[in-house]
Amino acid sequence: MNKLLITLISFVIALSVCAISVVAYYQYELDRPIPGLDDTKVIEIRSGQSFTSITQQLINEGILDSPWLMKVYGRLSGLSGQLKAGEYKLERGLTIPQLVDLLVAGHSISYQITFVEGWTFKDVLAELSRHNKLKQVVGDNKPLEILSAVTDQYTHPEGLFFPDTYTYRKNDSDLSILIRSFNRMQKVLNEEWEARDKRVPLATPYEALILASIVEKETGDASEREQIAGVFVRRINKGMRLQTDPTVIYGLGDDYDGNITRAHLREHTPYNTYRINGLPPTPIALAGREAIHATLHPDSSKTLYFVAKGNGLHYFSETLKEHVNAVNKYQIYKRKKGYRSTK
């Protein structure tokens, strides 16, 4: 074997060894936890940000010490153009492939916002404004302007949003939460309406939502929902006024100071069910599925009145005489400060 051939073979062997060493080193570096992640760190990837820009950001934030491994892996894996915008939590021990997979999967940090049963639309807007991770697009727009951005099916926003917990990610908009909540309410309301007791004297799902919002506000204990709904349904059937304090309070708006007076009960507002017949024009609060279900499946007793007992429960009566005696017992002789009476 001549010297030239031996030299060539030696060169190929050396080159192969070098290549194997480079590959081994490359794999070793890929398997090694990122040195700059000695603790949990949060990064935000902007929409439209390039792979090179993201790599440089990781260097600037002290997570990577050089760009080469990230760039090589991004190119060889074919994932460099698939990273998604968002806010990410990078845990200690993460490797380069795991980091890229995280950004490709879009597993960004999520947050939660909760709308509570009995809240008004004003309460909902206040809660949305409190979440600074949401993009605030609703702003100071008037309620009807906000509603028009959500739906054109209704002319008043009260009660149209389902009380629930919603997950969102940074820079999702407050409007997107409202749209999801509205759609959720429509789904629940339609499901409950389709399964309703057909004897309930309500003509539309919206009427059911109005009455359910009253049931929601009147219910102190979940076990009484069907009983309270039953009282109101029987009153409607008999042509009696609902005479429920929460509607009066809603009609007073900002004028309500915590006390309902006789003058308030005499005041003629569209929501004063001591003065108007039938239902008020809109819901007065967010009603949950349980309140909607109870409204469409009320109890079958004969009670027409109820009064708060002061412990979160109510005393239900079939006759006015029994009701007056209950009012005397629970609301006059044993009245607790700040606890209102009802029917």
C-alpha atoms as a PDB file:
ATOM      1  CA  MET A   1       0.000   0.000   0.000  1.00  0.00           C
ATOM      2  CA  ASN A   2       1.551   3.246  -1.074  1.00  0.00           C
ATOM      3  CA  LYS A   3       2.014   6.182   1.210  1.00  0.00           C
ATOM      4  CA  LEU A   4      -0.631   8.284  -0.548  1.00  0.00           C
ATOM      5  CA  LEU A   5      -3.334   5.727   0.084  1.00  0.00           C
ATOM      6  CA  ILE A   6      -2.298   5.297   3.695  1.00  0.00           C
ATOM      7  CA  THR A   7      -2.398   9.069   4.141  1.00  0.00           C
ATOM      8  CA  LEU A   8      -5.843   9.235   2.553  1.00  0.00           C
ATOM      9  CA  ILE A   9      -7.226   6.433   4.739  1.00  0.00           C
ATOM     10  CA  SER A  10      -5.753   8.067   7.821  1.00  0.00           C
ATOM     11  CA  PHE A  11      -7.342  11.363   6.835  1.00  0.00           C
ATOM     12  CA  VAL A  12     -10.764   9.739   6.338  1.00  0.00           C
ATOM     13  CA  ILE A  13     -10.475   7.963   9.677  1.00  0.00           C
ATOM     14  CA  ALA A  14      -9.463  11.190  11.403  1.00  0.00           C
ATOM     15  CA  LEU A  15     -12.309  13.023   9.712  1.00  0.00           C
ATOM     16  CA  SER A  16     -14.775  10.327  10.760  1.00  0.00           C
ATOM     17  CA  VAL A  17     -13.536  10.427  14.327  1.00  0.00           C
ATOM     18  CA  CYS A  18     -13.850  14.197  14.286  1.00  0.00           C
ATOM     19  CA  ALA A  19     -17.382  13.994  12.872  1.00  0.00           C
ATOM     20  CA  ILE A  20     -18.378  11.412  15.452  1.00  0.00           C
ATOM     21  CA  SER A  21     -16.926  13.596  18.169  1.00  0.00           C
ATOM     22  CA  VAL A  22     -18.825  16.645  16.901  1.00  0.00           C
ATOM     23  CA  VAL A  23     -22.079  14.679  16.749  1.00  0.00           C
ATOM     24  CA  ALA A  24     -21.457  13.245  20.208  1.00  0.00           C
ATOM     25  CA  TYR A  25     -20.708  16.724  21.568  1.00  0.00           C
ATOM     26  CA  TYR A  26     -23.788  18.126  19.838  1.00  0.00           C
ATOM     27  CA  GLN A  27     -25.982  15.401  21.340  1.00  0.00           C
ATOM     28  CA  TYR A  28     -24.366  15.898  24.740  1.00  0.00           C
ATOM     29  CA  GLU A  29     -25.150  19.612  24.622  1.00  0.00           C
ATOM     30  CA  LEU A  30     -28.746  18.897  23.559  1.00  0.00           C
ATOM     31  CA  ASP A  31     -29.226  16.512  26.468  1.00  0.00           C
ATOM     32  CA  ARG A  32     -27.675  18.908  28.973  1.00  0.00           C
ATOM     33  CA  PRO A  33     -30.002  21.220  30.982  1.00  0.00           C
ATOM     34  CA  ILE A  34     -29.730  24.814  29.818  1.00  0.00           C
ATOM     35  CA  PRO A  35     -27.096  26.398  32.118  1.00  0.00           C
ATOM     36  CA  GLY A  36     -28.886  29.734  32.350  1.00  0.00           C
ATOM     37  CA  LEU A  37     -32.018  28.121  33.778  1.00  0.00           C
ATOM     38  CA  ASP A  38     -30.833  27.759  37.345  1.00  0.00           C
ATOM     39  CA  ASP A  39     -34.294  28.900  38.440  1.00  0.00           C
ATOM     40  CA  THR A  40     -37.755  29.310  36.915  1.00  0.00           C
ATOM     41  CA  LYS A  41     -37.907  32.180  34.424  1.00  0.00           C
ATOM     42  CA  VAL A  42     -40.752  33.730  32.453  1.00  0.00           C
ATOM     43  CA  ILE A  43     -40.274  34.934  28.888  1.00  0.00           C
ATOM     44  CA  GLU A  44     -42.695  36.500  26.441  1.00  0.00           C
ATOM     45  CA  ILE A  45     -42.533  35.708  22.729  1.00  0.00           C
ATOM     46  CA  ARG A  46     -44.114  38.426  20.610  1.00  0.00           C
ATOM     47  CA  SER A  47     -46.334  37.734  17.637  1.00  0.00           C
ATOM     48  CA  GLY A  48     -44.286  37.612  14.424  1.00  0.00           C
ATOM     49  CA  GLN A  49     -40.953  37.329  16.245  1.00  0.00           C
ATOM     50  CA  SER A  50     -38.320  35.410  14.232  1.00  0.00           C
ATOM     51  CA  PHE A  51     -36.373  32.392  15.463  1.00  0.00           C
ATOM     52  CA  THR A  52     -33.160  34.410  15.365  1.00  0.00           C
ATOM     53  CA  SER A  53     -34.762  37.190  17.379  1.00  0.00           C
ATOM     54  CA  ILE A  54     -36.066  34.697  19.952  1.00  0.00           C
ATOM     55  CA  THR A  55     -32.596  33.152  20.235  1.00  0.00           C
ATOM     56  CA  GLN A  56     -31.053  36.576  20.813  1.00  0.00           C
ATOM     57  CA  GLN A  57     -33.721  37.358  23.409  1.00  0.00           C
ATOM     58  CA  LEU A  58     -32.808  34.188  25.305  1.00  0.00           C
ATOM     59  CA  ILE A  59     -29.165  35.297  25.273  1.00  0.00           C
ATOM     60  CA  ASN A  60     -30.066  38.823  26.423  1.00  0.00           C
ATOM     61  CA  GLU A  61     -32.076  37.404  29.308  1.00  0.00           C
ATOM     62  CA  GLY A  62     -29.169  35.201  30.411  1.00  0.00           C
ATOM     63  CA  ILE A  63     -30.865  31.909  29.539  1.00  0.00           C
ATOM     64  CA  LEU A  64     -28.503  30.950  26.676  1.00  0.00           C
ATOM     65  CA  ASP A  65     -24.806  31.775  26.637  1.00  0.00           C
ATOM     66  CA  SER A  66     -24.385  31.374  22.857  1.00  0.00           C
ATOM     67  CA  PRO A  67     -26.716  31.073  19.865  1.00  0.00           C
ATOM     68  CA  TRP A  68     -25.093  28.208  17.956  1.00  0.00           C
ATOM     69  CA  LEU A  69     -26.805  25.208  19.580  1.00  0.00           C
ATOM     70  CA  MET A  70     -30.264  26.764  19.424  1.00  0.00           C
ATOM     71  CA  LYS A  71     -29.810  27.791  15.801  1.00  0.00           C
ATOM     72  CA  VAL A  72     -28.406  24.437  14.698  1.00  0.00           C
ATOM     73  CA  TYR A  73     -31.171  22.510  16.452  1.00  0.00           C
ATOM     74  CA  GLY A  74     -33.846  24.822  15.027  1.00  0.00           C
ATOM     75  CA  ARG A  75     -32.520  24.321  11.493  1.00  0.00           C
ATOM     76  CA  LEU A  76     -31.974  20.555  11.729  1.00  0.00           C
ATOM     77  CA  SER A  77     -35.304  19.866  13.440  1.00  0.00           C
ATOM     78  CA  GLY A  78     -37.260  22.024  11.004  1.00  0.00           C
ATOM     79  CA  LEU A  79     -39.081  23.658  13.905  1.00  0.00           C
ATOM     80  CA  SER A  80     -37.559  27.125  13.703  1.00  0.00           C
ATOM     81  CA  GLY A  81     -40.565  28.579  11.891  1.00  0.00           C
ATOM     82  CA  GLN A  82     -43.199  27.020  14.136  1.00  0.00           C
ATOM     83  CA  LEU A  83     -42.676  28.818  17.457  1.00  0.00           C
ATOM     84  CA  LYS A  84     -45.840  30.422  18.840  1.00  0.00           C
ATOM     85  CA  ALA A  85     -46.246  33.755  20.569  1.00  0.00           C
ATOM     86  CA  GLY A  86     -47.127  33.803  24.238  1.00  0.00           C
ATOM     87  CA  GLU A  87     -45.879  34.051  27.788  1.00  0.00           C
ATOM     88  CA  TYR A  88     -43.898  30.962  28.848  1.00  0.00           C
ATOM     89  CA  LYS A  89     -42.642  29.613  32.132  1.00  0.00           C
ATOM     90  CA  LEU A  90     -39.235  27.998  31.689  1.00  0.00           C
ATOM     91  CA  GLU A  91     -38.487  25.511  34.445  1.00  0.00           C
ATOM     92  CA  ARG A  92     -35.065  24.584  35.767  1.00  0.00           C
ATOM     93  CA  GLY A  93     -33.655  21.481  34.026  1.00  0.00           C
ATOM     94  CA  LEU A  94     -35.151  22.268  30.624  1.00  0.00           C
ATOM     95  CA  THR A  95     -33.056  21.240  27.601  1.00  0.00           C
ATOM     96  CA  ILE A  96     -32.863  22.998  24.221  1.00  0.00           C
ATOM     97  CA  PRO A  97     -35.182  20.450  22.497  1.00  0.00           C
ATOM     98  CA  GLN A  98     -37.656  20.678  25.378  1.00  0.00           C
ATOM     99  CA  LEU A  99     -37.561  24.476  25.209  1.00  0.00           C
ATOM    100  CA  VAL A 100     -38.234  24.463  21.461  1.00  0.00           C
ATOM    101  CA  ASP A 101     -41.005  21.864  21.858  1.00  0.00           C
ATOM    102  CA  LEU A 102     -42.627  24.045  24.529  1.00  0.00           C
ATOM    103  CA  LEU A 103     -42.623  27.068  22.236  1.00  0.00           C
ATOM    104  CA  VAL A 104     -43.849  25.050  19.246  1.00  0.00           C
ATOM    105  CA  ALA A 105     -46.713  23.496  21.259  1.00  0.00           C
ATOM    106  CA  GLY A 106     -47.782  26.933  22.470  1.00  0.00           C
ATOM    107  CA  HIS A 107     -48.065  25.794  26.080  1.00  0.00           C
ATOM    108  CA  SER A 108     -47.954  29.338  27.351  1.00  0.00           C
ATOM    109  CA  ILE A 109     -48.938  30.490  30.839  1.00  0.00           C
ATOM    110  CA  SER A 110     -52.696  30.556  31.404  1.00  0.00           C
ATOM    111  CA  TYR A 111     -54.711  32.678  33.814  1.00  0.00           C
ATOM    112  CA  GLN A 112     -58.251  32.468  35.124  1.00  0.00           C
ATOM    113  CA  ILE A 113     -61.092  34.907  35.578  1.00  0.00           C
ATOM    114  CA  THR A 114     -64.342  34.093  37.389  1.00  0.00           C
ATOM    115  CA  PHE A 115     -67.778  35.632  36.958  1.00  0.00           C
ATOM    116  CA  VAL A 116     -69.960  34.968  40.004  1.00  0.00           C
ATOM    117  CA  GLU A 117     -73.655  34.089  40.148  1.00  0.00           C
ATOM    118  CA  GLY A 118     -75.670  37.156  41.082  1.00  0.00           C
ATOM    119  CA  TRP A 119     -73.193  39.660  39.635  1.00  0.00           C
ATOM    120  CA  THR A 120     -74.409  42.512  37.464  1.00  0.00           C
ATOM    121  CA  PHE A 121     -72.886  43.504  34.128  1.00  0.00           C
ATOM    122  CA  LYS A 122     -71.196  46.353  35.970  1.00  0.00           C
ATOM    123  CA  ASP A 123     -69.511  43.809  38.252  1.00  0.00           C
ATOM    124  CA  VAL A 124     -68.370  41.802  35.223  1.00  0.00           C
ATOM    125  CA  LEU A 125     -66.756  44.834  33.605  1.00  0.00           C
ATOM    126  CA  ALA A 126     -65.032  45.738  36.868  1.00  0.00           C
ATOM    127  CA  GLU A 127     -63.588  42.230  37.131  1.00  0.00           C
ATOM    128  CA  LEU A 128     -62.356  42.298  33.532  1.00  0.00           C
ATOM    129  CA  SER A 129     -60.590  45.618  34.126  1.00  0.00           C
ATOM    130  CA  ARG A 130     -58.809  44.152  37.169  1.00  0.00           C
ATOM    131  CA  HIS A 131     -56.958  41.550  35.066  1.00  0.00           C
ATOM    132  CA  ASN A 132     -53.923  43.355  33.678  1.00  0.00           C
ATOM    133  CA  LYS A 133     -52.855  40.358  31.579  1.00  0.00           C
ATOM    134  CA  LEU A 134     -55.935  40.898  29.412  1.00  0.00           C
ATOM    135  CA  LYS A 135     -55.812  43.305  26.509  1.00  0.00           C
ATOM    136  CA  GLN A 136     -58.322  45.981  27.487  1.00  0.00           C
ATOM    137  CA  VAL A 137     -60.349  46.757  24.367  1.00  0.00           C
ATOM    138  CA  VAL A 138     -63.737  47.268  26.021  1.00  0.00           C
ATOM    139  CA  GLY A 139     -62.423  50.258  27.951  1.00  0.00           C
ATOM    140  CA  ASP A 140     -64.941  52.932  28.876  1.00  0.00           C
ATOM    141  CA  ASN A 141     -67.365  52.065  26.106  1.00  0.00           C
ATOM    142  CA  LYS A 142     -71.023  52.266  27.002  1.00  0.00           C
ATOM    143  CA  PRO A 143     -72.791  48.980  27.830  1.00  0.00           C
ATOM    144  CA  LEU A 144     -74.810  48.973  24.615  1.00  0.00           C
ATOM    145  CA  GLU A 145     -71.673  49.586  22.544  1.00  0.00           C
ATOM    146  CA  ILE A 146     -69.997  46.650  24.279  1.00  0.00           C
ATOM    147  CA  LEU A 147     -73.052  44.470  23.721  1.00  0.00           C
ATOM    148  CA  SER A 148     -73.110  45.308  20.009  1.00  0.00           C
ATOM    149  CA  ALA A 149     -69.545  43.985  19.736  1.00  0.00           C
ATOM    150  CA  VAL A 150     -70.693  40.694  21.273  1.00  0.00           C
ATOM    151  CA  THR A 151     -74.107  40.101  19.683  1.00  0.00           C
ATOM    152  CA  ASP A 152     -76.930  41.763  17.795  1.00  0.00           C
ATOM    153  CA  GLN A 153     -79.586  39.483  19.304  1.00  0.00           C
ATOM    154  CA  TYR A 154     -80.315  41.596  22.384  1.00  0.00           C
ATOM    155  CA  THR A 155     -80.712  45.248  23.313  1.00  0.00           C
ATOM    156  CA  HIS A 156     -79.552  45.096  26.958  1.00  0.00           C
ATOM    157  CA  PRO A 157     -76.433  43.340  28.299  1.00  0.00           C
ATOM    158  CA  GLU A 158     -77.649  42.467  31.786  1.00  0.00           C
ATOM    159  CA  GLY A 159     -77.700  38.767  32.598  1.00  0.00           C
ATOM    160  CA  LEU A 160     -76.454  37.574  29.194  1.00  0.00           C
ATOM    161  CA  PHE A 161     -73.100  36.254  30.423  1.00  0.00           C
ATOM    162  CA  PHE A 162     -72.666  32.882  32.056  1.00  0.00           C
ATOM    163  CA  PRO A 163     -71.147  32.853  35.544  1.00  0.00           C
ATOM    164  CA  ASP A 164     -68.162  30.529  35.367  1.00  0.00           C
ATOM    165  CA  THR A 165     -64.356  30.421  35.461  1.00  0.00           C
ATOM    166  CA  TYR A 166     -62.651  31.181  32.141  1.00  0.00           C
ATOM    167  CA  THR A 167     -59.030  30.436  31.235  1.00  0.00           C
ATOM    168  CA  TYR A 168     -57.101  32.919  29.140  1.00  0.00           C
ATOM    169  CA  ARG A 169     -53.559  33.765  28.087  1.00  0.00           C
ATOM    170  CA  LYS A 170     -51.708  37.052  28.177  1.00  0.00           C
ATOM    171  CA  ASN A 171     -52.935  39.533  25.576  1.00  0.00           C
ATOM    172  CA  ASP A 172     -56.229  37.751  25.019  1.00  0.00           C
ATOM    173  CA  SER A 173     -58.815  40.538  24.968  1.00  0.00           C
ATOM    174  CA  ASP A 174     -61.471  41.282  27.549  1.00  0.00           C
ATOM    175  CA  LEU A 175     -63.957  41.227  24.667  1.00  0.00           C
ATOM    176  CA  SER A 176     -62.972  37.642  23.825  1.00  0.00           C
ATOM    177  CA  ILE A 177     -63.879  36.614  27.388  1.00  0.00           C
ATOM    178  CA  LEU A 178     -67.266  38.318  27.080  1.00  0.00           C
ATOM    179  CA  ILE A 179     -67.943  36.550  23.783  1.00  0.00           C
ATOM    180  CA  ARG A 180     -67.071  33.176  25.283  1.00  0.00           C
ATOM    181  CA  SER A 181     -69.227  33.872  28.321  1.00  0.00           C
ATOM    182  CA  PHE A 182     -72.152  34.986  26.146  1.00  0.00           C
ATOM    183  CA  ASN A 183     -71.892  31.874  23.954  1.00  0.00           C
ATOM    184  CA  ARG A 184     -71.720  29.680  27.035  1.00  0.00           C
ATOM    185  CA  MET A 185     -74.903  31.285  28.401  1.00  0.00           C
ATOM    186  CA  GLN A 186     -76.709  30.740  25.099  1.00  0.00           C
ATOM    187  CA  LYS A 187     -75.709  27.067  25.094  1.00  0.00           C
ATOM    188  CA  VAL A 188     -76.783  26.456  28.698  1.00  0.00           C
ATOM    189  CA  LEU A 189     -79.995  28.456  28.343  1.00  0.00           C
ATOM    190  CA  ASN A 190     -81.033  26.615  25.175  1.00  0.00           C
ATOM    191  CA  GLU A 191     -80.231  23.222  26.714  1.00  0.00           C
ATOM    192  CA  GLU A 192     -82.316  23.983  29.785  1.00  0.00           C
ATOM    193  CA  TRP A 193     -85.126  25.471  27.695  1.00  0.00           C
ATOM    194  CA  GLU A 194     -85.381  22.355  25.523  1.00  0.00           C
ATOM    195  CA  ALA A 195     -85.659  20.180  28.651  1.00  0.00           C
ATOM    196  CA  ARG A 196     -88.095  22.503  30.484  1.00  0.00           C
ATOM    197  CA  ASP A 197     -91.357  21.629  32.154  1.00  0.00           C
ATOM    198  CA  LYS A 198     -93.774  22.780  29.444  1.00  0.00           C
ATOM    199  CA  ARG A 199     -96.292  23.883  32.085  1.00  0.00           C
ATOM    200  CA  VAL A 200     -94.041  26.758  33.169  1.00  0.00           C
ATOM    201  CA  PRO A 201     -95.736  30.014  31.981  1.00  0.00           C
ATOM    202  CA  LEU A 202     -92.733  31.474  30.184  1.00  0.00           C
ATOM    203  CA  ALA A 203     -92.860  32.147  26.458  1.00  0.00           C
ATOM    204  CA  THR A 204     -89.173  32.382  25.545  1.00  0.00           C
ATOM    205  CA  PRO A 205     -85.722  31.413  26.835  1.00  0.00           C
ATOM    206  CA  TYR A 206     -85.114  35.106  27.546  1.00  0.00           C
ATOM    207  CA  GLU A 207     -88.132  35.242  29.856  1.00  0.00           C
ATOM    208  CA  ALA A 208     -86.719  32.183  31.605  1.00  0.00           C
ATOM    209  CA  LEU A 209     -83.417  33.995  32.031  1.00  0.00           C
ATOM    210  CA  ILE A 210     -85.171  37.036  33.511  1.00  0.00           C
ATOM    211  CA  LEU A 211     -86.981  34.957  36.113  1.00  0.00           C
ATOM    212  CA  ALA A 212     -83.882  32.834  36.775  1.00  0.00           C
ATOM    213  CA  SER A 213     -81.918  35.978  37.602  1.00  0.00           C
ATOM    214  CA  ILE A 214     -84.533  36.855  40.230  1.00  0.00           C
ATOM    215  CA  VAL A 215     -84.418  33.319  41.629  1.00  0.00           C
ATOM    216  CA  GLU A 216     -80.610  33.611  41.756  1.00  0.00           C
ATOM    217  CA  LYS A 217     -80.755  36.839  43.766  1.00  0.00           C
ATOM    218  CA  GLU A 218     -83.425  35.548  46.144  1.00  0.00           C
ATOM    219  CA  THR A 219     -81.759  32.212  46.895  1.00  0.00           C
ATOM    220  CA  GLY A 220     -79.679  32.115  50.046  1.00  0.00           C
ATOM    221  CA  ASP A 221     -79.491  28.337  50.257  1.00  0.00           C
ATOM    222  CA  ALA A 222     -79.248  26.088  47.200  1.00  0.00           C
ATOM    223  CA  SER A 223     -81.832  23.679  48.582  1.00  0.00           C
ATOM    224  CA  GLU A 224     -84.545  26.342  48.215  1.00  0.00           C
ATOM    225  CA  ARG A 225     -84.114  27.211  44.535  1.00  0.00           C
ATOM    226  CA  GLU A 226     -87.051  25.129  43.268  1.00  0.00           C
ATOM    227  CA  GLN A 227     -89.295  26.393  46.090  1.00  0.00           C
ATOM    228  CA  ILE A 228     -88.501  30.026  45.339  1.00  0.00           C
ATOM    229  CA  ALA A 229     -88.991  29.457  41.621  1.00  0.00           C
ATOM    230  CA  GLY A 230     -92.290  27.733  42.400  1.00  0.00           C
ATOM    231  CA  VAL A 231     -93.581  30.759  44.302  1.00  0.00           C
ATOM    232  CA  PHE A 232     -92.858  33.077  41.386  1.00  0.00           C
ATOM    233  CA  VAL A 233     -94.286  30.696  38.777  1.00  0.00           C
ATOM    234  CA  ARG A 234     -97.517  30.290  40.737  1.00  0.00           C
ATOM    235  CA  ARG A 235     -97.767  34.068  41.168  1.00  0.00           C
ATOM    236  CA  ILE A 236     -97.427  34.506  37.401  1.00  0.00           C
ATOM    237  CA  ASN A 237    -100.093  31.859  36.808  1.00  0.00           C
ATOM    238  CA  LYS A 238    -102.472  33.633  39.187  1.00  0.00           C
ATOM    239  CA  GLY A 239    -101.787  37.092  37.783  1.00  0.00           C
ATOM    240  CA  MET A 240    -100.173  38.229  41.040  1.00  0.00           C
ATOM    241  CA  ARG A 241     -97.270  40.659  41.076  1.00  0.00           C
ATOM    242  CA  LEU A 242     -93.876  39.165  41.855  1.00  0.00           C
ATOM    243  CA  GLN A 243     -93.141  41.726  44.598  1.00  0.00           C
ATOM    244  CA  THR A 244     -89.485  40.874  44.948  1.00  0.00           C
ATOM    245  CA  ASP A 245     -86.974  43.239  46.544  1.00  0.00           C
ATOM    246  CA  PRO A 246     -83.956  42.474  44.270  1.00  0.00           C
ATOM    247  CA  THR A 247     -85.788  43.901  41.260  1.00  0.00           C
ATOM    248  CA  VAL A 248     -86.563  47.078  43.195  1.00  0.00           C
ATOM    249  CA  ILE A 249     -82.913  47.387  44.197  1.00  0.00           C
ATOM    250  CA  TYR A 250     -81.789  46.882  40.607  1.00  0.00           C
ATOM    251  CA  GLY A 251     -84.200  49.558  39.408  1.00  0.00           C
ATOM    252  CA  LEU A 252     -82.826  52.039  41.932  1.00  0.00           C
ATOM    253  CA  GLY A 253     -79.306  51.630  40.549  1.00  0.00           C
ATOM    254  CA  ASP A 254     -76.762  53.883  42.242  1.00  0.00           C
ATOM    255  CA  ASP A 255     -79.530  55.469  44.347  1.00  0.00           C
ATOM    256  CA  TYR A 256     -79.765  52.326  46.460  1.00  0.00           C
ATOM    257  CA  ASP A 257     -77.933  52.896  49.753  1.00  0.00           C
ATOM    258  CA  GLY A 258     -78.555  49.537  51.419  1.00  0.00           C
ATOM    259  CA  ASN A 259     -82.087  50.176  52.643  1.00  0.00           C
ATOM    260  CA  ILE A 260     -85.404  49.714  50.856  1.00  0.00           C
ATOM    261  CA  THR A 261     -87.972  52.246  52.037  1.00  0.00           C
ATOM    262  CA  ARG A 262     -91.727  52.414  51.546  1.00  0.00           C
ATOM    263  CA  ALA A 263     -91.072  55.245  49.113  1.00  0.00           C
ATOM    264  CA  HIS A 264     -88.879  52.937  47.059  1.00  0.00           C
ATOM    265  CA  LEU A 265     -91.636  50.335  46.919  1.00  0.00           C
ATOM    266  CA  ARG A 266     -94.068  52.991  45.667  1.00  0.00           C
ATOM    267  CA  GLU A 267     -91.660  54.351  43.068  1.00  0.00           C
ATOM    268  CA  HIS A 268     -92.664  53.373  39.548  1.00  0.00           C
ATOM    269  CA  THR A 269     -89.625  51.984  37.687  1.00  0.00           C
ATOM    270  CA  PRO A 270     -89.650  49.284  34.992  1.00  0.00           C
ATOM    271  CA  TYR A 271     -88.071  46.966  37.582  1.00  0.00           C
ATOM    272  CA  ASN A 272     -90.331  47.644  40.566  1.00  0.00           C
ATOM    273  CA  THR A 273     -92.283  44.394  40.702  1.00  0.00           C
ATOM    274  CA  TYR A 274     -94.423  45.844  43.492  1.00  0.00           C
ATOM    275  CA  ARG A 275     -95.842  48.241  40.865  1.00  0.00           C
ATOM    276  CA  ILE A 276     -95.577  46.401  37.537  1.00  0.00           C
ATOM    277  CA  ASN A 277     -97.318  43.243  36.419  1.00  0.00           C
ATOM    278  CA  GLY A 278     -95.310  40.240  35.258  1.00  0.00           C
ATOM    279  CA  LEU A 279     -91.578  40.188  34.650  1.00  0.00           C
ATOM    280  CA  PRO A 280     -89.202  43.169  34.546  1.00  0.00           C
ATOM    281  CA  PRO A 281     -87.873  43.991  31.059  1.00  0.00           C
ATOM    282  CA  THR A 282     -84.450  42.338  31.494  1.00  0.00           C
ATOM    283  CA  PRO A 283     -82.562  40.031  33.836  1.00  0.00           C
ATOM    284  CA  ILE A 284     -81.165  41.740  36.919  1.00  0.00           C
ATOM    285  CA  ALA A 285     -78.041  39.602  37.409  1.00  0.00           C
ATOM    286  CA  LEU A 286     -76.045  36.608  36.190  1.00  0.00           C
ATOM    287  CA  ALA A 287     -77.953  33.379  36.689  1.00  0.00           C
ATOM    288  CA  GLY A 288     -76.157  30.047  36.937  1.00  0.00           C
ATOM    289  CA  ARG A 289     -77.346  26.777  35.422  1.00  0.00           C
ATOM    290  CA  GLU A 290     -78.878  25.695  38.732  1.00  0.00           C
ATOM    291  CA  ALA A 291     -81.075  28.795  38.932  1.00  0.00           C
ATOM    292  CA  ILE A 292     -82.120  28.426  35.287  1.00  0.00           C
ATOM    293  CA  HIS A 293     -82.928  24.757  35.844  1.00  0.00           C
ATOM    294  CA  ALA A 294     -84.948  25.513  38.971  1.00  0.00           C
ATOM    295  CA  THR A 295     -86.902  28.214  37.139  1.00  0.00           C
ATOM    296  CA  LEU A 296     -87.852  25.751  34.409  1.00  0.00           C
ATOM    297  CA  HIS A 297     -88.524  22.924  36.904  1.00  0.00           C
ATOM    298  CA  PRO A 298     -90.167  24.654  39.895  1.00  0.00           C
ATOM    299  CA  ASP A 299     -91.574  22.752  42.847  1.00  0.00           C
ATOM    300  CA  SER A 300     -95.226  21.718  42.730  1.00  0.00           C
ATOM    301  CA  SER A 301     -96.369  22.905  46.153  1.00  0.00           C
ATOM    302  CA  LYS A 302     -99.008  25.608  46.735  1.00  0.00           C
ATOM    303  CA  THR A 303     -96.897  28.281  48.412  1.00  0.00           C
ATOM    304  CA  LEU A 304     -97.293  31.868  47.237  1.00  0.00           C
ATOM    305  CA  TYR A 305     -95.175  33.767  49.761  1.00  0.00           C
ATOM    306  CA  PHE A 306     -91.811  33.506  51.483  1.00  0.00           C
ATOM    307  CA  VAL A 307     -89.974  35.517  54.071  1.00  0.00           C
ATOM    308  CA  ALA A 308     -86.354  35.479  55.198  1.00  0.00           C
ATOM    309  CA  LYS A 309     -85.820  33.789  58.541  1.00  0.00           C
ATOM    310  CA  GLY A 310     -82.509  35.541  59.155  1.00  0.00           C
ATOM    311  CA  ASN A 311     -80.330  32.445  58.826  1.00  0.00           C
ATOM    312  CA  GLY A 312     -80.114  32.224  55.062  1.00  0.00           C
ATOM    313  CA  LEU A 313     -83.313  30.199  54.779  1.00  0.00           C
ATOM    314  CA  HIS A 314     -86.934  31.225  54.165  1.00  0.00           C
ATOM    315  CA  TYR A 315     -90.350  30.435  55.572  1.00  0.00           C
ATOM    316  CA  PHE A 316     -92.815  29.584  52.800  1.00  0.00           C
ATOM    317  CA  SER A 317     -96.553  30.185  53.150  1.00  0.00           C
ATOM    318  CA  GLU A 318     -99.640  29.244  51.150  1.00  0.00           C
ATOM    319  CA  THR A 319    -101.904  32.007  52.491  1.00  0.00           C
ATOM    320  CA  LEU A 320    -101.502  35.716  53.143  1.00  0.00           C
ATOM    321  CA  LYS A 321    -102.529  35.246  56.777  1.00  0.00           C
ATOM    322  CA  GLU A 322     -99.800  32.664  57.346  1.00  0.00           C
ATOM    323  CA  HIS A 323     -97.329  34.923  55.581  1.00  0.00           C
ATOM    324  CA  VAL A 324     -98.211  37.942  57.744  1.00  0.00           C
ATOM    325  CA  ASN A 325     -97.682  35.842  60.863  1.00  0.00           C
ATOM    326  CA  ALA A 326     -94.308  34.700  59.510  1.00  0.00           C
ATOM    327  CA  VAL A 327     -93.292  38.298  58.750  1.00  0.00           C
ATOM    328  CA  ASN A 328     -94.190  39.285  62.301  1.00  0.00           C
ATOM    329  CA  LYS A 329     -92.177  36.375  63.668  1.00  0.00           C
ATOM    330  CA  TYR A 330     -89.059  36.611  61.534  1.00  0.00           C
ATOM    331  CA  GLN A 331     -88.894  40.195  60.265  1.00  0.00           C
ATOM    332  CA  ILE A 332     -90.345  42.339  63.010  1.00  0.00           C
ATOM    333  CA  TYR A 333     -89.783  40.635  66.331  1.00  0.00           C
ATOM    334  CA  LYS A 334     -86.478  38.958  65.362  1.00  0.00           C
ATOM    335  CA  ARG A 335     -85.191  41.367  62.754  1.00  0.00           C
ATOM    336  CA  LYS A 336     -81.450  41.312  62.318  1.00  0.00           C
ATOM    337  CA  LYS A 337     -79.695  44.442  61.179  1.00  0.00           C
ATOM    338  CA  GLY A 338     -79.123  44.525  57.450  1.00  0.00           C
ATOM    339  CA  TYR A 339     -81.275  41.477  56.647  1.00  0.00           C
ATOM    340  CA  ARG A 340     -84.007  42.328  54.181  1.00  0.00           C
ATOM    341  CA  SER A 341     -87.490  40.893  53.973  1.00  0.00           C
ATOM    342  CA  THR A 342     -88.968  39.349  50.853  1.00  0.00           C
ATOM    343  CA  LYS A 343     -92.458  38.252  49.814  1.00  0.00           C
END
